[in-house]
Amino acid sequence: MDIILAIILSYLIGSISPSWFFGKLKGIDVREKGVKNVGAYNTIKLVGIIPGVITGIFDIAKGVLAIFIATNSTTSLFLVYLVGLAAIVGHNFPFHLRFKGGYGVAVAIGTIIGALIWNLSWILIILLFITEIFFFVLRYRKNIRKRKK
């Protein structure tokens, strides 16, 4: 019974759309303009950078929160990921927005981050961070070489 409640709760958490609220504050329905979804990218394009970043962080946090809810409900890895999937489905198909939501990328990233933290895969997180820095430095050096020519 706990797992069913966790799935429902994760769906409801996933269906919270800060992008929609930011759009309403500006008098815009983000589902009707831009790329026509309630994701962070559309929020940046239509409402502004600050609301877009807040939306992105909030969407990632929804995935992390879903995994933490799941880990308190079960020890089964399959059920933990099922609860994370419920948050993604809630983001993609929120009931209060007539099942027209976002793409679920940020929530999926949050689910992966939550799973890595839950599994205590700090080494993997550190390796991913180092890899990102490595590719950033390579890209930066390539841009400097282009400017010198």
N, C-alpha and C. Protein backbone atom coordinates (compact mmCIF):
# COMPACT_ATOMS: atom_id res chain seq x y z
N MET A 1 0.82 -1.21 0.00
CA MET A 1 0.00 0.00 0.00
C MET A 1 0.85 1.26 0.00
N ASP A 2 2.00 1.20 0.68
CA ASP A 2 2.88 2.36 0.72
C ASP A 2 3.38 2.73 -0.67
N ILE A 3 3.66 1.72 -1.49
CA ILE A 3 4.21 2.00 -2.81
C ILE A 3 3.16 2.64 -3.72
N ILE A 4 1.91 2.25 -3.59
CA ILE A 4 0.85 2.86 -4.39
C ILE A 4 0.69 4.32 -4.00
N LEU A 5 0.74 4.60 -2.71
CA LEU A 5 0.67 5.98 -2.24
C LEU A 5 1.88 6.78 -2.73
N ALA A 6 3.05 6.16 -2.75
CA ALA A 6 4.26 6.84 -3.24
C ALA A 6 4.15 7.15 -4.73
N ILE A 7 3.57 6.24 -5.51
CA ILE A 7 3.38 6.48 -6.95
C ILE A 7 2.42 7.64 -7.17
N ILE A 8 1.32 7.64 -6.46
CA ILE A 8 0.33 8.73 -6.60
C ILE A 8 0.93 10.06 -6.17
N LEU A 9 1.64 10.07 -5.05
CA LEU A 9 2.26 11.29 -4.56
C LEU A 9 3.32 11.81 -5.54
N SER A 10 4.10 10.91 -6.11
CA SER A 10 5.11 11.32 -7.09
C SER A 10 4.48 11.88 -8.35
N TYR A 11 3.38 11.29 -8.79
CA TYR A 11 2.66 11.83 -9.95
C TYR A 11 2.19 13.26 -9.65
N LEU A 12 1.62 13.45 -8.46
CA LEU A 12 1.11 14.77 -8.09
C LEU A 12 2.25 15.79 -7.98
N ILE A 13 3.37 15.39 -7.42
CA ILE A 13 4.53 16.28 -7.33
C ILE A 13 5.04 16.60 -8.74
N GLY A 14 5.09 15.60 -9.60
CA GLY A 14 5.53 15.82 -10.97
C GLY A 14 4.62 16.74 -11.75
N SER A 15 3.35 16.77 -11.39
CA SER A 15 2.39 17.59 -12.14
C SER A 15 2.41 19.06 -11.75
N ILE A 16 3.16 19.42 -10.72
CA ILE A 16 3.30 20.83 -10.35
C ILE A 16 4.16 21.50 -11.42
N SER A 17 3.64 22.54 -12.05
CA SER A 17 4.33 23.19 -13.17
C SER A 17 4.61 24.67 -12.87
N PRO A 18 5.80 24.98 -12.36
CA PRO A 18 6.10 26.38 -12.09
C PRO A 18 6.11 27.23 -13.36
N SER A 19 6.43 26.63 -14.48
CA SER A 19 6.41 27.35 -15.75
C SER A 19 5.03 27.91 -16.05
N TRP A 20 4.02 27.13 -15.80
CA TRP A 20 2.65 27.56 -16.04
C TRP A 20 2.30 28.74 -15.13
N PHE A 21 2.72 28.64 -13.85
CA PHE A 21 2.43 29.72 -12.90
C PHE A 21 3.17 31.01 -13.29
N PHE A 22 4.45 30.90 -13.69
CA PHE A 22 5.20 32.08 -14.12
C PHE A 22 4.56 32.71 -15.35
N GLY A 23 4.11 31.87 -16.27
CA GLY A 23 3.43 32.38 -17.45
C GLY A 23 2.16 33.11 -17.11
N LYS A 24 1.38 32.55 -16.19
CA LYS A 24 0.13 33.20 -15.78
C LYS A 24 0.39 34.55 -15.12
N LEU A 25 1.49 34.65 -14.37
CA LEU A 25 1.84 35.94 -13.76
C LEU A 25 2.12 37.01 -14.81
N LYS A 26 2.63 36.58 -15.97
CA LYS A 26 2.89 37.51 -17.07
C LYS A 26 1.75 37.58 -18.07
N GLY A 27 0.68 36.83 -17.84
CA GLY A 27 -0.46 36.85 -18.74
C GLY A 27 -0.27 36.00 -19.99
N ILE A 28 0.62 35.00 -19.90
CA ILE A 28 0.93 34.14 -21.04
C ILE A 28 0.57 32.70 -20.69
N ASP A 29 -0.02 31.98 -21.63
CA ASP A 29 -0.19 30.54 -21.48
C ASP A 29 0.98 29.89 -22.22
N VAL A 30 1.96 29.39 -21.48
CA VAL A 30 3.17 28.85 -22.08
C VAL A 30 2.90 27.62 -22.93
N ARG A 31 1.73 27.03 -22.78
CA ARG A 31 1.38 25.86 -23.60
C ARG A 31 0.91 26.26 -24.99
N GLU A 32 0.70 27.54 -25.20
CA GLU A 32 0.18 28.01 -26.50
C GLU A 32 1.21 28.79 -27.31
N LYS A 33 2.37 29.12 -26.71
CA LYS A 33 3.38 29.92 -27.40
C LYS A 33 4.74 29.24 -27.31
N GLY A 34 5.67 29.71 -28.11
CA GLY A 34 7.02 29.14 -28.10
C GLY A 34 7.00 27.70 -28.58
N VAL A 35 7.62 26.82 -27.79
CA VAL A 35 7.63 25.39 -28.14
C VAL A 35 6.40 24.67 -27.59
N LYS A 36 5.52 25.42 -26.99
CA LYS A 36 4.20 24.95 -26.54
C LYS A 36 4.25 23.83 -25.50
N ASN A 37 5.09 24.02 -24.49
CA ASN A 37 5.08 23.11 -23.34
C ASN A 37 5.45 23.87 -22.09
N VAL A 38 5.36 23.20 -20.95
CA VAL A 38 5.60 23.86 -19.67
C VAL A 38 6.99 23.57 -19.11
N GLY A 39 7.97 23.47 -20.01
CA GLY A 39 9.33 23.20 -19.58
C GLY A 39 10.14 24.46 -19.32
N ALA A 40 11.35 24.26 -18.83
CA ALA A 40 12.22 25.37 -18.47
C ALA A 40 12.66 26.16 -19.71
N TYR A 41 12.94 25.47 -20.80
CA TYR A 41 13.39 26.16 -22.02
C TYR A 41 12.33 27.12 -22.53
N ASN A 42 11.10 26.68 -22.55
CA ASN A 42 10.01 27.55 -23.01
C ASN A 42 9.81 28.72 -22.05
N THR A 43 10.02 28.48 -20.77
CA THR A 43 9.90 29.55 -19.78
C THR A 43 10.98 30.61 -20.00
N ILE A 44 12.19 30.17 -20.29
CA ILE A 44 13.27 31.12 -20.57
C ILE A 44 12.92 31.96 -21.79
N LYS A 45 12.41 31.32 -22.84
CA LYS A 45 12.08 32.05 -24.06
C LYS A 45 10.93 33.03 -23.87
N LEU A 46 9.91 32.64 -23.10
CA LEU A 46 8.70 33.45 -23.02
C LEU A 46 8.64 34.37 -21.81
N VAL A 47 9.18 33.93 -20.68
CA VAL A 47 9.00 34.68 -19.43
C VAL A 47 10.29 35.36 -18.99
N GLY A 48 11.42 34.70 -19.16
CA GLY A 48 12.68 35.29 -18.75
C GLY A 48 13.64 34.26 -18.19
N ILE A 49 14.90 34.67 -18.04
CA ILE A 49 15.94 33.75 -17.61
C ILE A 49 15.77 33.31 -16.15
N ILE A 50 15.44 34.22 -15.26
CA ILE A 50 15.31 33.87 -13.84
C ILE A 50 14.16 32.88 -13.62
N PRO A 51 12.95 33.16 -14.12
CA PRO A 51 11.88 32.17 -13.96
C PRO A 51 12.21 30.84 -14.65
N GLY A 52 12.95 30.90 -15.76
CA GLY A 52 13.33 29.67 -16.45
C GLY A 52 14.29 28.82 -15.65
N VAL A 53 15.27 29.48 -15.03
CA VAL A 53 16.23 28.75 -14.20
C VAL A 53 15.52 28.17 -12.97
N ILE A 54 14.64 28.95 -12.36
CA ILE A 54 13.88 28.45 -11.21
C ILE A 54 13.05 27.24 -11.63
N THR A 55 12.43 27.31 -12.80
CA THR A 55 11.63 26.20 -13.30
C THR A 55 12.51 24.96 -13.51
N GLY A 56 13.68 25.14 -14.10
CA GLY A 56 14.58 24.01 -14.32
C GLY A 56 15.02 23.36 -13.03
N ILE A 57 15.40 24.17 -12.06
CA ILE A 57 15.82 23.63 -10.76
C ILE A 57 14.66 22.91 -10.08
N PHE A 58 13.47 23.50 -10.15
CA PHE A 58 12.29 22.89 -9.55
C PHE A 58 11.97 21.56 -10.22
N ASP A 59 12.10 21.51 -11.56
CA ASP A 59 11.81 20.27 -12.27
C ASP A 59 12.80 19.17 -11.91
N ILE A 60 14.07 19.52 -11.78
CA ILE A 60 15.07 18.54 -11.35
C ILE A 60 14.77 18.07 -9.93
N ALA A 61 14.38 19.00 -9.07
CA ALA A 61 14.07 18.66 -7.68
C ALA A 61 12.88 17.71 -7.59
N LYS A 62 11.94 17.81 -8.53
CA LYS A 62 10.79 16.90 -8.52
C LYS A 62 11.25 15.45 -8.69
N GLY A 63 12.21 15.23 -9.57
CA GLY A 63 12.73 13.88 -9.78
C GLY A 63 13.49 13.37 -8.57
N VAL A 64 14.32 14.23 -7.99
CA VAL A 64 15.08 13.83 -6.79
C VAL A 64 14.13 13.51 -5.65
N LEU A 65 13.11 14.35 -5.46
CA LEU A 65 12.14 14.13 -4.39
C LEU A 65 11.37 12.83 -4.58
N ALA A 66 11.03 12.52 -5.82
CA ALA A 66 10.32 11.26 -6.08
C ALA A 66 11.15 10.05 -5.67
N ILE A 67 12.44 10.09 -5.96
CA ILE A 67 13.32 8.97 -5.57
C ILE A 67 13.43 8.87 -4.05
N PHE A 68 13.52 10.00 -3.37
CA PHE A 68 13.60 9.96 -1.91
C PHE A 68 12.29 9.45 -1.30
N ILE A 69 11.18 9.80 -1.89
CA ILE A 69 9.90 9.24 -1.42
C ILE A 69 9.90 7.73 -1.62
N ALA A 70 10.38 7.29 -2.77
CA ALA A 70 10.38 5.86 -3.08
C ALA A 70 11.31 5.08 -2.15
N THR A 71 12.46 5.65 -1.84
CA THR A 71 13.40 4.92 -1.00
C THR A 71 12.88 4.77 0.43
N ASN A 72 11.98 5.63 0.83
CA ASN A 72 11.35 5.48 2.15
C ASN A 72 10.18 4.52 2.12
N SER A 73 9.73 4.14 0.93
CA SER A 73 8.58 3.25 0.80
C SER A 73 8.95 1.82 0.49
N THR A 74 10.07 1.62 -0.19
CA THR A 74 10.45 0.28 -0.62
C THR A 74 11.95 0.17 -0.76
N THR A 75 12.44 -1.05 -0.82
CA THR A 75 13.85 -1.29 -1.10
C THR A 75 14.04 -1.91 -2.48
N SER A 76 12.96 -2.19 -3.18
CA SER A 76 13.02 -2.77 -4.51
C SER A 76 13.46 -1.71 -5.52
N LEU A 77 14.52 -2.01 -6.24
CA LEU A 77 15.04 -1.07 -7.23
C LEU A 77 14.01 -0.80 -8.32
N PHE A 78 13.30 -1.83 -8.76
CA PHE A 78 12.27 -1.66 -9.78
C PHE A 78 11.18 -0.70 -9.32
N LEU A 79 10.72 -0.85 -8.09
CA LEU A 79 9.66 0.02 -7.58
C LEU A 79 10.15 1.44 -7.36
N VAL A 80 11.41 1.60 -6.99
CA VAL A 80 11.98 2.95 -6.84
C VAL A 80 11.95 3.67 -8.18
N TYR A 81 12.37 2.98 -9.23
CA TYR A 81 12.35 3.60 -10.56
C TYR A 81 10.93 3.80 -11.08
N LEU A 82 10.02 2.94 -10.67
CA LEU A 82 8.61 3.11 -11.05
C LEU A 82 8.04 4.40 -10.44
N VAL A 83 8.41 4.68 -9.21
CA VAL A 83 7.97 5.92 -8.57
C VAL A 83 8.60 7.13 -9.27
N GLY A 84 9.86 7.01 -9.65
CA GLY A 84 10.50 8.08 -10.42
C GLY A 84 9.83 8.30 -11.76
N LEU A 85 9.43 7.21 -12.39
CA LEU A 85 8.70 7.31 -13.66
C LEU A 85 7.35 8.00 -13.47
N ALA A 86 6.72 7.79 -12.34
CA ALA A 86 5.45 8.45 -12.05
C ALA A 86 5.63 9.97 -12.00
N ALA A 87 6.75 10.44 -11.47
CA ALA A 87 7.01 11.88 -11.45
C ALA A 87 7.21 12.42 -12.86
N ILE A 88 7.89 11.66 -13.71
CA ILE A 88 8.08 12.08 -15.10
C ILE A 88 6.75 12.12 -15.83
N VAL A 89 5.92 11.11 -15.62
CA VAL A 89 4.59 11.07 -16.25
C VAL A 89 3.74 12.23 -15.75
N GLY A 90 3.85 12.55 -14.46
CA GLY A 90 3.11 13.69 -13.91
C GLY A 90 3.54 15.00 -14.54
N HIS A 91 4.83 15.13 -14.84
CA HIS A 91 5.32 16.35 -15.50
C HIS A 91 4.84 16.41 -16.95
N ASN A 92 4.89 15.28 -17.62
CA ASN A 92 4.51 15.24 -19.04
C ASN A 92 3.01 15.34 -19.25
N PHE A 93 2.23 14.78 -18.32
CA PHE A 93 0.78 14.74 -18.46
C PHE A 93 0.09 15.19 -17.17
N PRO A 94 0.22 16.49 -16.80
CA PRO A 94 -0.42 16.95 -15.57
C PRO A 94 -1.94 17.03 -15.74
N PHE A 95 -2.66 16.47 -14.80
CA PHE A 95 -4.11 16.41 -14.90
C PHE A 95 -4.74 17.79 -14.92
N HIS A 96 -4.19 18.75 -14.19
CA HIS A 96 -4.79 20.08 -14.09
C HIS A 96 -4.53 20.95 -15.30
N LEU A 97 -3.64 20.51 -16.19
CA LEU A 97 -3.37 21.25 -17.43
C LEU A 97 -3.88 20.46 -18.64
N ARG A 98 -4.88 19.65 -18.41
CA ARG A 98 -5.50 18.83 -19.46
C ARG A 98 -4.48 17.91 -20.13
N PHE A 99 -3.58 17.37 -19.33
CA PHE A 99 -2.59 16.39 -19.75
C PHE A 99 -1.65 16.92 -20.84
N LYS A 100 -1.36 18.22 -20.80
CA LYS A 100 -0.44 18.84 -21.75
C LYS A 100 0.69 19.49 -20.95
N GLY A 101 1.79 18.76 -20.78
CA GLY A 101 2.88 19.24 -19.95
C GLY A 101 4.16 19.45 -20.72
N GLY A 102 5.27 19.11 -20.08
CA GLY A 102 6.59 19.29 -20.68
C GLY A 102 7.12 18.01 -21.29
N TYR A 103 8.42 18.02 -21.59
CA TYR A 103 9.06 16.85 -22.17
C TYR A 103 9.58 15.88 -21.11
N GLY A 104 9.80 16.35 -19.90
CA GLY A 104 10.24 15.47 -18.82
C GLY A 104 11.73 15.27 -18.71
N VAL A 105 12.52 16.01 -19.47
CA VAL A 105 13.96 15.82 -19.45
C VAL A 105 14.55 16.19 -18.09
N ALA A 106 14.20 17.36 -17.57
CA ALA A 106 14.75 17.81 -16.29
C ALA A 106 14.31 16.89 -15.15
N VAL A 107 13.07 16.42 -15.19
CA VAL A 107 12.59 15.51 -14.14
C VAL A 107 13.34 14.18 -14.24
N ALA A 108 13.60 13.72 -15.46
CA ALA A 108 14.36 12.48 -15.65
C ALA A 108 15.79 12.65 -15.12
N ILE A 109 16.39 13.80 -15.38
CA ILE A 109 17.74 14.07 -14.85
C ILE A 109 17.70 14.06 -13.32
N GLY A 110 16.66 14.67 -12.74
CA GLY A 110 16.52 14.65 -11.28
C GLY A 110 16.33 13.25 -10.74
N THR A 111 15.61 12.42 -11.47
CA THR A 111 15.42 11.02 -11.06
C THR A 111 16.76 10.28 -11.08
N ILE A 112 17.56 10.53 -12.11
CA ILE A 112 18.88 9.89 -12.19
C ILE A 112 19.78 10.38 -11.06
N ILE A 113 19.76 11.68 -10.79
CA ILE A 113 20.57 12.22 -9.69
C ILE A 113 20.12 11.62 -8.37
N GLY A 114 18.81 11.54 -8.15
CA GLY A 114 18.30 10.94 -6.93
C GLY A 114 18.72 9.49 -6.79
N ALA A 115 18.69 8.74 -7.91
CA ALA A 115 19.10 7.34 -7.87
C ALA A 115 20.60 7.21 -7.57
N LEU A 116 21.40 8.11 -8.15
CA LEU A 116 22.83 8.07 -7.87
C LEU A 116 23.12 8.37 -6.40
N ILE A 117 22.42 9.35 -5.86
CA ILE A 117 22.61 9.69 -4.45
C ILE A 117 22.14 8.55 -3.57
N TRP A 118 20.99 7.96 -3.92
CA TRP A 118 20.44 6.86 -3.13
C TRP A 118 21.38 5.66 -3.11
N ASN A 119 22.00 5.39 -4.25
CA ASN A 119 22.94 4.27 -4.33
C ASN A 119 24.32 4.65 -3.82
N LEU A 120 24.45 5.88 -3.36
CA LEU A 120 25.73 6.40 -2.87
C LEU A 120 26.82 6.27 -3.91
N SER A 121 26.49 6.57 -5.14
CA SER A 121 27.45 6.50 -6.24
C SER A 121 28.13 7.86 -6.39
N TRP A 122 28.71 8.33 -5.30
CA TRP A 122 29.37 9.62 -5.34
C TRP A 122 30.54 9.60 -6.32
N ILE A 123 31.18 8.45 -6.47
CA ILE A 123 32.30 8.35 -7.39
C ILE A 123 31.81 8.63 -8.81
N LEU A 124 30.65 8.07 -9.16
CA LEU A 124 30.09 8.30 -10.49
C LEU A 124 29.72 9.77 -10.69
N ILE A 125 29.15 10.38 -9.67
CA ILE A 125 28.80 11.80 -9.76
C ILE A 125 30.05 12.65 -9.95
N ILE A 126 31.11 12.34 -9.20
CA ILE A 126 32.36 13.08 -9.33
C ILE A 126 32.97 12.87 -10.71
N LEU A 127 32.93 11.63 -11.22
CA LEU A 127 33.45 11.36 -12.56
C LEU A 127 32.66 12.12 -13.63
N LEU A 128 31.36 12.18 -13.49
CA LEU A 128 30.55 12.95 -14.43
C LEU A 128 30.91 14.43 -14.38
N PHE A 129 31.11 14.94 -13.18
CA PHE A 129 31.49 16.35 -13.01
C PHE A 129 32.85 16.62 -13.65
N ILE A 130 33.82 15.74 -13.41
CA ILE A 130 35.16 15.91 -14.00
C ILE A 130 35.08 15.83 -15.52
N THR A 131 34.25 14.92 -16.04
CA THR A 131 34.07 14.82 -17.49
C THR A 131 33.50 16.10 -18.07
N GLU A 132 32.52 16.67 -17.40
CA GLU A 132 31.94 17.94 -17.86
C GLU A 132 32.99 19.05 -17.87
N ILE A 133 33.80 19.12 -16.85
CA ILE A 133 34.87 20.13 -16.79
C ILE A 133 35.86 19.91 -17.93
N PHE A 134 36.21 18.65 -18.17
CA PHE A 134 37.14 18.31 -19.24
C PHE A 134 36.63 18.78 -20.59
N PHE A 135 35.36 18.49 -20.90
CA PHE A 135 34.79 18.90 -22.18
C PHE A 135 34.62 20.42 -22.26
N PHE A 136 34.34 21.06 -21.14
CA PHE A 136 34.25 22.52 -21.12
C PHE A 136 35.61 23.13 -21.45
N VAL A 137 36.68 22.61 -20.85
CA VAL A 137 38.02 23.13 -21.11
C VAL A 137 38.41 22.90 -22.56
N LEU A 138 38.11 21.72 -23.11
CA LEU A 138 38.41 21.46 -24.52
C LEU A 138 37.67 22.44 -25.42
N ARG A 139 36.42 22.68 -25.13
CA ARG A 139 35.61 23.61 -25.94
C ARG A 139 36.16 25.03 -25.82
N TYR A 140 36.53 25.41 -24.61
CA TYR A 140 37.06 26.74 -24.37
C TYR A 140 38.37 26.94 -25.13
N ARG A 141 39.27 25.94 -25.09
CA ARG A 141 40.55 26.03 -25.80
C ARG A 141 40.33 26.11 -27.30
N LYS A 142 39.37 25.37 -27.81
CA LYS A 142 39.07 25.40 -29.24
C LYS A 142 38.58 26.79 -29.65
N ASN A 143 37.77 27.43 -28.83
CA ASN A 143 37.27 28.78 -29.12
C ASN A 143 38.40 29.80 -29.08
N ILE A 144 39.36 29.64 -28.17
CA ILE A 144 40.50 30.56 -28.09
C ILE A 144 41.35 30.44 -29.34
N ARG A 145 41.58 29.22 -29.82
CA ARG A 145 42.38 29.02 -31.04
C ARG A 145 41.70 29.67 -32.24
N LYS A 146 40.38 29.58 -32.31
CA LYS A 146 39.67 30.21 -33.42
C LYS A 146 39.80 31.72 -33.38
N ARG A 147 39.80 32.32 -32.19
CA ARG A 147 39.91 33.77 -32.05
C ARG A 147 41.29 34.27 -32.45
N LYS A 148 42.35 33.49 -32.19
CA LYS A 148 43.70 33.90 -32.50
C LYS A 148 43.97 33.93 -34.00
N LYS A 149 43.27 33.12 -34.76
CA LYS A 149 43.49 33.05 -36.22
C LYS A 149 42.88 34.17 -36.93
